[in-house]
Amino acid sequence: MPTRLNMTALAAVLAVAATPVAAANVKITPLGSHDGEFCRYDRAMILEDPDGTRLLYDAGRTVAGPEDPRLGKIDAILVSHMHGDHVGDRHIPAVGAGTCAQPDMSVKVPAITNTVNIARTKNAKIVTGSEMPRFFAAKLKTLGGNPKDSQLVRFGASRKIGGVTLTTVPAAHSNGVNAAFIGGSLGDALKAAGLTAYAGPPTGYVATFSNGLAVYLSGDTGITAEQDMVVRRHYQAKLVVMNIGDTFTTGPNEAAYVINDLVRPNAVIASHANQVSTKGGKVVAGTRLDTFMKAAKVPVHVPLSGRTMEFDGTGKCVAG
């Protein structure tokens, strides 16, 4: 016959088993230029593992430097490629500066980059693929940081940051390093010749969290075979952050094809629309976001700045 002690122990076990699912969710918070909106230059997102590991993806121009109060603890920064709107050649002085269509990005940091400045201040790793780690290592050293905090993960390999396993996947885009990032006589020569330096191919990422959720971060890309062969078949991504900006990346219909026919996730977060996509937090009719939402066959979540979404291990949005 169960004793009072046994019943107490059983109740404790059941209580643990009944802990709210939220404790095992991945939290994703967009960091755009204007609170509650999806604006023209919005790319940055924080992805937080259930164990508290926090990743900053493509800090770009809408994170107001390392002192941005929205950042909190950052364990690692992911950079898909070296273009200024992703690595951060300049940034807003504060959330809400300027307009949603034309944010005030008057703080210029080309010689340092917003990414490196944040990483150095937060003692965060910078995890990138191709030839980018050497660039970031040199910048960290210039600021008095540890160049070993710039870490490599190439296609087919993985690196663990806290509870998150990271890998890079191919992206169809360009990855030139602007002469302003380089400076000196080499930078001047490149600028005069109208050239950029080479930093290897651009990448996307697959981040697999401790609750089992695999998230594909597309970076700037077109349609690739790897979105089917690697992202879906091998990593089995159930949530996608997909660029829809057109001209420079997949347009809304092409992005919908990637989602519907190639990756086939359970949900997608739109990104990189290159235009004002919401007003008062509501989708603007006729925008790329609107087109994408109508074409995609899975739930499309709008990355409203500062609004945290929570996803379970299947990619279902359960909060936010």
C-alpha atoms as a PDB file:
ATOM      1  CA  MET A   1       0.000   0.000   0.000  1.00  0.00           C
ATOM      2  CA  PRO A   2       1.521   3.411  -0.942  1.00  0.00           C
ATOM      3  CA  THR A   3       2.915   5.366   1.970  1.00  0.00           C
ATOM      4  CA  ARG A   4       2.530   9.097   2.428  1.00  0.00           C
ATOM      5  CA  LEU A   5       6.211   9.476   1.405  1.00  0.00           C
ATOM      6  CA  ASN A   6       5.712   7.477  -1.794  1.00  0.00           C
ATOM      7  CA  MET A   7       2.627   9.491  -2.706  1.00  0.00           C
ATOM      8  CA  THR A   8       4.541  12.718  -2.138  1.00  0.00           C
ATOM      9  CA  ALA A   9       7.381  11.512  -4.376  1.00  0.00           C
ATOM     10  CA  LEU A  10       4.891  10.472  -7.062  1.00  0.00           C
ATOM     11  CA  ALA A  11       3.211  13.860  -6.908  1.00  0.00           C
ATOM     12  CA  ALA A  12       6.591  15.515  -7.361  1.00  0.00           C
ATOM     13  CA  VAL A  13       7.350  13.417 -10.453  1.00  0.00           C
ATOM     14  CA  LEU A  14       3.944  14.205 -11.937  1.00  0.00           C
ATOM     15  CA  ALA A  15       4.460  17.893 -11.254  1.00  0.00           C
ATOM     16  CA  VAL A  16       7.741  17.836 -13.167  1.00  0.00           C
ATOM     17  CA  ALA A  17       6.078  15.987 -16.029  1.00  0.00           C
ATOM     18  CA  ALA A  18       3.306  18.588 -16.051  1.00  0.00           C
ATOM     19  CA  THR A  19       5.716  21.545 -16.218  1.00  0.00           C
ATOM     20  CA  PRO A  20       4.367  24.010 -18.815  1.00  0.00           C
ATOM     21  CA  VAL A  21       5.487  23.258 -22.358  1.00  0.00           C
ATOM     22  CA  ALA A  22       6.738  26.852 -22.587  1.00  0.00           C
ATOM     23  CA  ALA A  23       9.815  25.761 -20.639  1.00  0.00           C
ATOM     24  CA  ALA A  24      10.855  23.670 -23.677  1.00  0.00           C
ATOM     25  CA  ASN A  25      10.076  26.266 -26.336  1.00  0.00           C
ATOM     26  CA  VAL A  26      12.472  28.148 -28.594  1.00  0.00           C
ATOM     27  CA  LYS A  27      11.916  31.887 -28.286  1.00  0.00           C
ATOM     28  CA  ILE A  28      12.429  34.118 -31.331  1.00  0.00           C
ATOM     29  CA  THR A  29      12.414  37.901 -31.010  1.00  0.00           C
ATOM     30  CA  PRO A  30      12.841  40.161 -34.064  1.00  0.00           C
ATOM     31  CA  LEU A  31      14.930  43.289 -33.476  1.00  0.00           C
ATOM     32  CA  GLY A  32      13.718  45.737 -36.099  1.00  0.00           C
ATOM     33  CA  SER A  33      13.970  49.501 -36.350  1.00  0.00           C
ATOM     34  CA  HIS A  34      10.486  50.263 -35.017  1.00  0.00           C
ATOM     35  CA  ASP A  35       8.708  48.486 -32.178  1.00  0.00           C
ATOM     36  CA  GLY A  36       5.706  46.412 -33.202  1.00  0.00           C
ATOM     37  CA  GLU A  37       6.336  46.752 -36.946  1.00  0.00           C
ATOM     38  CA  PHE A  38       8.057  44.895 -39.806  1.00  0.00           C
ATOM     39  CA  CYS A  39      10.071  47.630 -41.518  1.00  0.00           C
ATOM     40  CA  ARG A  40      12.250  48.090 -44.564  1.00  0.00           C
ATOM     41  CA  TYR A  41      15.660  47.109 -43.167  1.00  0.00           C
ATOM     42  CA  ASP A  42      14.581  44.580 -40.550  1.00  0.00           C
ATOM     43  CA  ARG A  43      16.724  41.434 -40.541  1.00  0.00           C
ATOM     44  CA  ALA A  44      17.990  40.885 -36.980  1.00  0.00           C
ATOM     45  CA  MET A  45      16.524  38.253 -34.677  1.00  0.00           C
ATOM     46  CA  ILE A  46      17.398  36.701 -31.330  1.00  0.00           C
ATOM     47  CA  LEU A  47      16.843  32.960 -31.072  1.00  0.00           C
ATOM     48  CA  GLU A  48      16.847  31.599 -27.527  1.00  0.00           C
ATOM     49  CA  ASP A  49      17.194  27.918 -26.637  1.00  0.00           C
ATOM     50  CA  PRO A  50      15.192  26.466 -23.731  1.00  0.00           C
ATOM     51  CA  ASP A  51      18.499  26.238 -21.828  1.00  0.00           C
ATOM     52  CA  GLY A  52      19.002  30.014 -22.127  1.00  0.00           C
ATOM     53  CA  THR A  53      21.564  30.036 -24.948  1.00  0.00           C
ATOM     54  CA  ARG A  54      20.939  33.186 -26.995  1.00  0.00           C
ATOM     55  CA  LEU A  55      21.924  33.644 -30.641  1.00  0.00           C
ATOM     56  CA  LEU A  56      21.815  36.922 -32.564  1.00  0.00           C
ATOM     57  CA  TYR A  57      21.213  36.382 -36.278  1.00  0.00           C
ATOM     58  CA  ASP A  58      22.331  39.044 -38.791  1.00  0.00           C
ATOM     59  CA  ALA A  59      22.548  42.065 -36.469  1.00  0.00           C
ATOM     60  CA  GLY A  60      22.593  44.405 -39.456  1.00  0.00           C
ATOM     61  CA  ARG A  61      21.557  48.032 -39.068  1.00  0.00           C
ATOM     62  CA  THR A  62      18.505  47.798 -36.793  1.00  0.00           C
ATOM     63  CA  VAL A  63      20.289  46.770 -33.600  1.00  0.00           C
ATOM     64  CA  ALA A  64      21.304  50.010 -31.894  1.00  0.00           C
ATOM     65  CA  GLY A  65      24.859  48.879 -31.167  1.00  0.00           C
ATOM     66  CA  PRO A  66      25.986  46.801 -28.190  1.00  0.00           C
ATOM     67  CA  GLU A  67      24.060  49.022 -25.758  1.00  0.00           C
ATOM     68  CA  ASP A  68      20.703  48.244 -27.353  1.00  0.00           C
ATOM     69  CA  PRO A  69      18.591  47.289 -24.300  1.00  0.00           C
ATOM     70  CA  ARG A  70      16.813  44.583 -26.281  1.00  0.00           C
ATOM     71  CA  LEU A  71      19.965  42.476 -26.616  1.00  0.00           C
ATOM     72  CA  GLY A  72      20.561  41.201 -23.097  1.00  0.00           C
ATOM     73  CA  LYS A  73      22.965  38.284 -22.940  1.00  0.00           C
ATOM     74  CA  ILE A  74      24.282  37.126 -26.314  1.00  0.00           C
ATOM     75  CA  ASP A  75      26.254  33.882 -26.556  1.00  0.00           C
ATOM     76  CA  ALA A  76      26.922  33.853 -30.294  1.00  0.00           C
ATOM     77  CA  ILE A  77      26.315  35.950 -33.387  1.00  0.00           C
ATOM     78  CA  LEU A  78      25.539  34.387 -36.772  1.00  0.00           C
ATOM     79  CA  VAL A  79      26.331  36.327 -39.949  1.00  0.00           C
ATOM     80  CA  SER A  80      25.035  34.955 -43.236  1.00  0.00           C
ATOM     81  CA  HIS A  81      27.257  37.169 -45.392  1.00  0.00           C
ATOM     82  CA  MET A  82      29.288  40.366 -45.445  1.00  0.00           C
ATOM     83  CA  HIS A  83      26.865  42.874 -46.959  1.00  0.00           C
ATOM     84  CA  GLY A  84      26.346  45.992 -44.865  1.00  0.00           C
ATOM     85  CA  ASP A  85      22.673  45.393 -44.140  1.00  0.00           C
ATOM     86  CA  HIS A  86      23.596  42.076 -42.490  1.00  0.00           C
ATOM     87  CA  VAL A  87      26.979  42.605 -40.851  1.00  0.00           C
ATOM     88  CA  GLY A  88      26.175  46.212 -39.942  1.00  0.00           C
ATOM     89  CA  ASP A  89      28.140  48.973 -41.643  1.00  0.00           C
ATOM     90  CA  ARG A  90      25.991  51.465 -39.713  1.00  0.00           C
ATOM     91  CA  HIS A  91      23.066  51.308 -37.350  1.00  0.00           C
ATOM     92  CA  ILE A  92      20.203  53.181 -35.726  1.00  0.00           C
ATOM     93  CA  PRO A  93      21.041  55.310 -32.663  1.00  0.00           C
ATOM     94  CA  ALA A  94      17.906  54.085 -30.888  1.00  0.00           C
ATOM     95  CA  VAL A  95      14.763  52.083 -31.547  1.00  0.00           C
ATOM     96  CA  GLY A  96      12.206  54.185 -33.409  1.00  0.00           C
ATOM     97  CA  ALA A  97      14.713  56.638 -34.911  1.00  0.00           C
ATOM     98  CA  GLY A  98      13.575  57.850 -38.321  1.00  0.00           C
ATOM     99  CA  THR A  99      10.663  56.182 -40.048  1.00  0.00           C
ATOM    100  CA  CYS A 100       9.752  52.600 -40.822  1.00  0.00           C
ATOM    101  CA  ALA A 101      10.466  53.286 -44.495  1.00  0.00           C
ATOM    102  CA  GLN A 102      13.672  55.211 -43.853  1.00  0.00           C
ATOM    103  CA  PRO A 103      15.153  54.516 -40.411  1.00  0.00           C
ATOM    104  CA  ASP A 104      17.796  56.880 -39.071  1.00  0.00           C
ATOM    105  CA  MET A 105      20.961  54.797 -39.498  1.00  0.00           C
ATOM    106  CA  SER A 106      23.373  57.624 -38.851  1.00  0.00           C
ATOM    107  CA  VAL A 107      25.786  55.734 -36.575  1.00  0.00           C
ATOM    108  CA  LYS A 108      28.522  54.585 -38.959  1.00  0.00           C
ATOM    109  CA  VAL A 109      30.821  51.715 -37.975  1.00  0.00           C
ATOM    110  CA  PRO A 110      32.330  50.384 -41.234  1.00  0.00           C
ATOM    111  CA  ALA A 111      35.832  49.830 -39.876  1.00  0.00           C
ATOM    112  CA  ILE A 112      34.486  47.852 -36.889  1.00  0.00           C
ATOM    113  CA  THR A 113      31.023  46.627 -37.972  1.00  0.00           C
ATOM    114  CA  ASN A 114      28.023  46.430 -35.705  1.00  0.00           C
ATOM    115  CA  THR A 115      28.542  42.674 -35.422  1.00  0.00           C
ATOM    116  CA  VAL A 116      32.086  42.863 -34.079  1.00  0.00           C
ATOM    117  CA  ASN A 117      31.253  45.722 -31.720  1.00  0.00           C
ATOM    118  CA  ILE A 118      28.397  43.710 -30.210  1.00  0.00           C
ATOM    119  CA  ALA A 119      30.466  40.524 -29.990  1.00  0.00           C
ATOM    120  CA  ARG A 120      33.351  42.291 -28.250  1.00  0.00           C
ATOM    121  CA  THR A 121      31.091  44.049 -25.744  1.00  0.00           C
ATOM    122  CA  LYS A 122      28.995  40.960 -25.011  1.00  0.00           C
ATOM    123  CA  ASN A 123      31.931  38.513 -25.016  1.00  0.00           C
ATOM    124  CA  ALA A 124      30.032  36.556 -27.620  1.00  0.00           C
ATOM    125  CA  LYS A 125      31.323  34.146 -30.246  1.00  0.00           C
ATOM    126  CA  ILE A 126      30.932  34.934 -33.936  1.00  0.00           C
ATOM    127  CA  VAL A 127      30.108  31.711 -35.775  1.00  0.00           C
ATOM    128  CA  THR A 128      30.400  31.876 -39.570  1.00  0.00           C
ATOM    129  CA  GLY A 129      31.300  29.728 -42.563  1.00  0.00           C
ATOM    130  CA  SER A 130      33.468  29.961 -45.701  1.00  0.00           C
ATOM    131  CA  GLU A 131      36.309  32.520 -45.378  1.00  0.00           C
ATOM    132  CA  MET A 132      34.532  34.928 -43.042  1.00  0.00           C
ATOM    133  CA  PRO A 133      36.037  33.816 -39.676  1.00  0.00           C
ATOM    134  CA  ARG A 134      39.472  35.317 -40.446  1.00  0.00           C
ATOM    135  CA  PHE A 135      37.925  38.696 -41.176  1.00  0.00           C
ATOM    136  CA  PHE A 136      36.059  38.756 -37.872  1.00  0.00           C
ATOM    137  CA  ALA A 137      39.066  37.416 -35.965  1.00  0.00           C
ATOM    138  CA  ALA A 138      41.184  40.312 -37.216  1.00  0.00           C
ATOM    139  CA  LYS A 139      38.507  42.835 -36.263  1.00  0.00           C
ATOM    140  CA  LEU A 140      38.148  41.353 -32.777  1.00  0.00           C
ATOM    141  CA  LYS A 141      41.918  41.530 -32.292  1.00  0.00           C
ATOM    142  CA  THR A 142      41.910  45.182 -33.332  1.00  0.00           C
ATOM    143  CA  LEU A 143      39.396  45.918 -30.562  1.00  0.00           C
ATOM    144  CA  GLY A 144      41.445  44.020 -27.989  1.00  0.00           C
ATOM    145  CA  GLY A 145      39.230  40.963 -28.099  1.00  0.00           C
ATOM    146  CA  ASN A 146      40.114  37.314 -28.528  1.00  0.00           C
ATOM    147  CA  PRO A 147      40.403  36.351 -32.216  1.00  0.00           C
ATOM    148  CA  LYS A 148      39.553  32.771 -31.223  1.00  0.00           C
ATOM    149  CA  ASP A 149      36.033  33.990 -30.500  1.00  0.00           C
ATOM    150  CA  SER A 150      35.547  34.036 -34.271  1.00  0.00           C
ATOM    151  CA  GLN A 151      34.728  30.405 -35.010  1.00  0.00           C
ATOM    152  CA  LEU A 152      34.313  28.436 -38.203  1.00  0.00           C
ATOM    153  CA  VAL A 153      31.596  25.957 -39.158  1.00  0.00           C
ATOM    154  CA  ARG A 154      31.580  24.809 -42.781  1.00  0.00           C
ATOM    155  CA  PHE A 155      29.032  22.908 -44.856  1.00  0.00           C
ATOM    156  CA  GLY A 156      28.407  19.411 -43.530  1.00  0.00           C
ATOM    157  CA  ALA A 157      30.061  20.119 -40.184  1.00  0.00           C
ATOM    158  CA  SER A 158      28.608  21.371 -36.924  1.00  0.00           C
ATOM    159  CA  ARG A 159      29.550  23.385 -33.866  1.00  0.00           C
ATOM    160  CA  LYS A 160      27.818  23.429 -30.498  1.00  0.00           C
ATOM    161  CA  ILE A 161      27.029  26.679 -28.678  1.00  0.00           C
ATOM    162  CA  GLY A 162      25.311  25.878 -25.404  1.00  0.00           C
ATOM    163  CA  GLY A 163      22.334  23.689 -26.214  1.00  0.00           C
ATOM    164  CA  VAL A 164      22.292  24.651 -29.910  1.00  0.00           C
ATOM    165  CA  THR A 165      23.988  22.726 -32.716  1.00  0.00           C
ATOM    166  CA  LEU A 166      24.904  24.966 -35.652  1.00  0.00           C
ATOM    167  CA  THR A 167      25.811  24.230 -39.233  1.00  0.00           C
ATOM    168  CA  THR A 168      26.056  26.321 -42.382  1.00  0.00           C
ATOM    169  CA  VAL A 169      24.275  25.496 -45.628  1.00  0.00           C
ATOM    170  CA  PRO A 170      24.769  26.925 -49.136  1.00  0.00           C
ATOM    171  CA  ALA A 171      23.104  30.163 -50.204  1.00  0.00           C
ATOM    172  CA  ALA A 172      22.905  31.510 -53.749  1.00  0.00           C
ATOM    173  CA  HIS A 173      24.012  35.126 -53.374  1.00  0.00           C
ATOM    174  CA  SER A 174      27.201  37.224 -53.390  1.00  0.00           C
ATOM    175  CA  ASN A 175      29.570  37.871 -50.499  1.00  0.00           C
ATOM    176  CA  GLY A 176      31.898  40.744 -51.297  1.00  0.00           C
ATOM    177  CA  VAL A 177      33.612  42.649 -48.503  1.00  0.00           C
ATOM    178  CA  ASN A 178      33.136  46.389 -48.959  1.00  0.00           C
ATOM    179  CA  ALA A 179      36.360  48.389 -49.214  1.00  0.00           C
ATOM    180  CA  ALA A 180      35.219  50.503 -46.255  1.00  0.00           C
ATOM    181  CA  PHE A 181      35.420  47.406 -44.032  1.00  0.00           C
ATOM    182  CA  ILE A 182      39.066  46.945 -44.995  1.00  0.00           C
ATOM    183  CA  GLY A 183      40.487  50.479 -44.960  1.00  0.00           C
ATOM    184  CA  GLY A 184      44.096  51.432 -45.613  1.00  0.00           C
ATOM    185  CA  SER A 185      45.810  51.265 -48.976  1.00  0.00           C
ATOM    186  CA  LEU A 186      44.158  47.951 -49.857  1.00  0.00           C
ATOM    187  CA  GLY A 187      40.720  49.397 -49.178  1.00  0.00           C
ATOM    188  CA  ASP A 188      41.556  52.476 -51.233  1.00  0.00           C
ATOM    189  CA  ALA A 189      42.785  50.330 -54.131  1.00  0.00           C
ATOM    190  CA  LEU A 190      39.668  48.184 -54.103  1.00  0.00           C
ATOM    191  CA  LYS A 191      37.437  51.244 -54.007  1.00  0.00           C
ATOM    192  CA  ALA A 192      39.288  52.861 -56.897  1.00  0.00           C
ATOM    193  CA  ALA A 193      38.943  49.681 -58.951  1.00  0.00           C
ATOM    194  CA  GLY A 194      35.270  49.282 -58.113  1.00  0.00           C
ATOM    195  CA  LEU A 195      35.919  45.888 -56.538  1.00  0.00           C
ATOM    196  CA  THR A 196      35.173  44.121 -53.274  1.00  0.00           C
ATOM    197  CA  ALA A 197      37.315  41.597 -51.414  1.00  0.00           C
ATOM    198  CA  TYR A 198      36.396  37.917 -51.399  1.00  0.00           C
ATOM    199  CA  ALA A 199      35.086  36.260 -48.247  1.00  0.00           C
ATOM    200  CA  GLY A 200      34.052  32.895 -49.649  1.00  0.00           C
ATOM    201  CA  PRO A 201      30.494  31.902 -50.518  1.00  0.00           C
ATOM    202  CA  PRO A 202      27.549  33.244 -48.493  1.00  0.00           C
ATOM    203  CA  THR A 203      25.697  30.863 -46.228  1.00  0.00           C
ATOM    204  CA  GLY A 204      22.495  30.058 -44.527  1.00  0.00           C
ATOM    205  CA  TYR A 205      22.308  28.201 -41.208  1.00  0.00           C
ATOM    206  CA  VAL A 206      20.491  25.295 -39.655  1.00  0.00           C
ATOM    207  CA  ALA A 207      20.240  25.642 -35.890  1.00  0.00           C
ATOM    208  CA  THR A 208      19.043  22.573 -33.993  1.00  0.00           C
ATOM    209  CA  PHE A 209      17.823  23.441 -30.505  1.00  0.00           C
ATOM    210  CA  SER A 210      17.703  21.320 -27.360  1.00  0.00           C
ATOM    211  CA  ASN A 211      13.947  20.722 -27.736  1.00  0.00           C
ATOM    212  CA  GLY A 212      14.622  19.041 -31.100  1.00  0.00           C
ATOM    213  CA  LEU A 213      13.504  21.958 -33.273  1.00  0.00           C
ATOM    214  CA  ALA A 214      15.642  22.475 -36.391  1.00  0.00           C
ATOM    215  CA  VAL A 215      15.403  26.018 -37.790  1.00  0.00           C
ATOM    216  CA  TYR A 216      16.614  26.961 -41.273  1.00  0.00           C
ATOM    217  CA  LEU A 217      17.889  30.552 -41.499  1.00  0.00           C
ATOM    218  CA  SER A 218      18.002  31.162 -45.234  1.00  0.00           C
ATOM    219  CA  GLY A 219      20.298  34.193 -45.336  1.00  0.00           C
ATOM    220  CA  ASP A 220      20.134  36.046 -48.638  1.00  0.00           C
ATOM    221  CA  THR A 221      19.562  33.321 -51.192  1.00  0.00           C
ATOM    222  CA  GLY A 222      17.842  32.228 -54.325  1.00  0.00           C
ATOM    223  CA  ILE A 223      16.364  28.791 -54.908  1.00  0.00           C
ATOM    224  CA  THR A 224      18.890  26.000 -54.302  1.00  0.00           C
ATOM    225  CA  ALA A 225      18.816  22.218 -54.563  1.00  0.00           C
ATOM    226  CA  GLU A 226      20.221  22.031 -51.028  1.00  0.00           C
ATOM    227  CA  GLN A 227      16.965  23.405 -49.654  1.00  0.00           C
ATOM    228  CA  ASP A 228      15.469  20.016 -50.527  1.00  0.00           C
ATOM    229  CA  MET A 229      18.451  17.664 -50.287  1.00  0.00           C
ATOM    230  CA  VAL A 230      20.139  19.092 -47.198  1.00  0.00           C
ATOM    231  CA  VAL A 231      17.751  21.326 -45.270  1.00  0.00           C
ATOM    232  CA  ARG A 232      14.659  19.130 -45.584  1.00  0.00           C
ATOM    233  CA  ARG A 233      15.942  15.606 -46.079  1.00  0.00           C
ATOM    234  CA  HIS A 234      18.978  15.633 -43.819  1.00  0.00           C
ATOM    235  CA  TYR A 235      18.341  18.278 -41.137  1.00  0.00           C
ATOM    236  CA  GLN A 236      14.536  17.999 -41.306  1.00  0.00           C
ATOM    237  CA  ALA A 237      13.978  21.691 -40.563  1.00  0.00           C
ATOM    238  CA  LYS A 238      10.478  22.337 -39.216  1.00  0.00           C
ATOM    239  CA  LEU A 239      10.724  26.133 -38.999  1.00  0.00           C
ATOM    240  CA  VAL A 240      12.204  28.517 -41.573  1.00  0.00           C
ATOM    241  CA  VAL A 241      13.232  32.175 -41.447  1.00  0.00           C
ATOM    242  CA  MET A 242      12.879  33.044 -45.138  1.00  0.00           C
ATOM    243  CA  ASN A 243      14.025  36.097 -47.077  1.00  0.00           C
ATOM    244  CA  ILE A 244      11.351  37.437 -49.429  1.00  0.00           C
ATOM    245  CA  GLY A 245      12.845  40.732 -50.625  1.00  0.00           C
ATOM    246  CA  ASP A 246      13.072  40.070 -54.385  1.00  0.00           C
ATOM    247  CA  THR A 247      15.822  41.357 -56.747  1.00  0.00           C
ATOM    248  CA  PHE A 248      18.550  40.663 -54.168  1.00  0.00           C
ATOM    249  CA  THR A 249      17.009  37.447 -52.785  1.00  0.00           C
ATOM    250  CA  THR A 250      14.060  35.181 -53.456  1.00  0.00           C
ATOM    251  CA  GLY A 251      10.905  37.141 -54.200  1.00  0.00           C
ATOM    252  CA  PRO A 252       7.676  36.269 -52.402  1.00  0.00           C
ATOM    253  CA  ASN A 253       6.520  33.704 -54.961  1.00  0.00           C
ATOM    254  CA  GLU A 254       9.952  32.094 -55.252  1.00  0.00           C
ATOM    255  CA  ALA A 255      10.194  32.002 -51.463  1.00  0.00           C
ATOM    256  CA  ALA A 256       6.775  30.330 -51.325  1.00  0.00           C
ATOM    257  CA  TYR A 257       8.058  27.660 -53.743  1.00  0.00           C
ATOM    258  CA  VAL A 258      11.017  27.026 -51.439  1.00  0.00           C
ATOM    259  CA  ILE A 259       8.633  26.609 -48.520  1.00  0.00           C
ATOM    260  CA  ASN A 260       5.887  24.641 -50.266  1.00  0.00           C
ATOM    261  CA  ASP A 261       7.948  22.317 -52.460  1.00  0.00           C
ATOM    262  CA  LEU A 262      11.512  22.146 -51.164  1.00  0.00           C
ATOM    263  CA  VAL A 263      11.893  22.601 -47.395  1.00  0.00           C
ATOM    264  CA  ARG A 264       8.256  21.833 -46.472  1.00  0.00           C
ATOM    265  CA  PRO A 265       8.451  23.049 -42.875  1.00  0.00           C
ATOM    266  CA  ASN A 266       5.543  23.320 -40.470  1.00  0.00           C
ATOM    267  CA  ALA A 267       5.838  27.119 -40.250  1.00  0.00           C
ATOM    268  CA  VAL A 268       7.820  30.046 -41.612  1.00  0.00           C
ATOM    269  CA  ILE A 269       8.815  33.498 -40.393  1.00  0.00           C
ATOM    270  CA  ALA A 270       9.074  36.051 -43.200  1.00  0.00           C
ATOM    271  CA  SER A 271      12.214  38.194 -43.298  1.00  0.00           C
ATOM    272  CA  HIS A 272      14.103  40.776 -45.350  1.00  0.00           C
ATOM    273  CA  ALA A 273      11.101  42.192 -47.227  1.00  0.00           C
ATOM    274  CA  ASN A 274      12.924  45.406 -48.208  1.00  0.00           C
ATOM    275  CA  GLN A 275       9.816  47.523 -47.752  1.00  0.00           C
ATOM    276  CA  VAL A 276       7.378  48.658 -45.093  1.00  0.00           C
ATOM    277  CA  SER A 277       5.310  45.523 -44.559  1.00  0.00           C
ATOM    278  CA  THR A 278       3.066  46.440 -41.640  1.00  0.00           C
ATOM    279  CA  LYS A 279       1.271  49.497 -40.334  1.00  0.00           C
ATOM    280  CA  GLY A 280       0.050  49.427 -36.761  1.00  0.00           C
ATOM    281  CA  GLY A 281       1.212  45.828 -36.645  1.00  0.00           C
ATOM    282  CA  LYS A 282      -1.143  44.827 -39.475  1.00  0.00           C
ATOM    283  CA  VAL A 283      -0.007  43.488 -42.848  1.00  0.00           C
ATOM    284  CA  VAL A 284      -0.089  46.104 -45.610  1.00  0.00           C
ATOM    285  CA  ALA A 285      -2.115  44.860 -48.584  1.00  0.00           C
ATOM    286  CA  GLY A 286      -0.208  44.355 -51.822  1.00  0.00           C
ATOM    287  CA  THR A 287       3.205  44.087 -50.169  1.00  0.00           C
ATOM    288  CA  ARG A 288       5.666  41.246 -50.686  1.00  0.00           C
ATOM    289  CA  LEU A 289       4.703  40.001 -47.251  1.00  0.00           C
ATOM    290  CA  ASP A 290       1.042  39.925 -48.244  1.00  0.00           C
ATOM    291  CA  THR A 291       1.873  38.058 -51.464  1.00  0.00           C
ATOM    292  CA  PHE A 292       4.054  35.557 -49.639  1.00  0.00           C
ATOM    293  CA  MET A 293       1.448  34.886 -46.964  1.00  0.00           C
ATOM    294  CA  LYS A 294      -1.165  34.141 -49.622  1.00  0.00           C
ATOM    295  CA  ALA A 295       1.175  31.845 -51.584  1.00  0.00           C
ATOM    296  CA  ALA A 296       2.653  29.835 -48.709  1.00  0.00           C
ATOM    297  CA  LYS A 297       0.823  26.686 -47.666  1.00  0.00           C
ATOM    298  CA  VAL A 298       2.005  26.739 -44.046  1.00  0.00           C
ATOM    299  CA  PRO A 299       1.454  29.329 -41.302  1.00  0.00           C
ATOM    300  CA  VAL A 300       3.453  32.511 -41.996  1.00  0.00           C
ATOM    301  CA  HIS A 301       4.485  34.462 -38.909  1.00  0.00           C
ATOM    302  CA  VAL A 302       5.160  38.193 -39.186  1.00  0.00           C
ATOM    303  CA  PRO A 303       8.370  39.354 -37.441  1.00  0.00           C
ATOM    304  CA  LEU A 304       7.003  42.315 -35.519  1.00  0.00           C
ATOM    305  CA  SER A 305       9.945  43.990 -33.811  1.00  0.00           C
ATOM    306  CA  GLY A 306      10.192  43.302 -30.098  1.00  0.00           C
ATOM    307  CA  ARG A 307       7.400  40.715 -30.130  1.00  0.00           C
ATOM    308  CA  THR A 308       8.595  37.315 -28.938  1.00  0.00           C
ATOM    309  CA  MET A 309       7.231  34.159 -30.549  1.00  0.00           C
ATOM    310  CA  GLU A 310       7.641  30.712 -28.982  1.00  0.00           C
ATOM    311  CA  PHE A 311       7.933  27.480 -30.969  1.00  0.00           C
ATOM    312  CA  ASP A 312       7.745  23.889 -29.804  1.00  0.00           C
ATOM    313  CA  GLY A 313       9.878  21.072 -31.159  1.00  0.00           C
ATOM    314  CA  THR A 314       7.591  20.592 -34.182  1.00  0.00           C
ATOM    315  CA  GLY A 315       7.819  24.222 -35.313  1.00  0.00           C
ATOM    316  CA  LYS A 316       4.359  25.157 -34.095  1.00  0.00           C
ATOM    317  CA  CYS A 317       3.988  28.669 -32.691  1.00  0.00           C
ATOM    318  CA  VAL A 318       2.534  28.196 -29.224  1.00  0.00           C
ATOM    319  CA  ALA A 319       2.838  31.754 -27.901  1.00  0.00           C
ATOM    320  CA  GLY A 320       3.303  35.270 -29.206  1.00  0.00           C
END
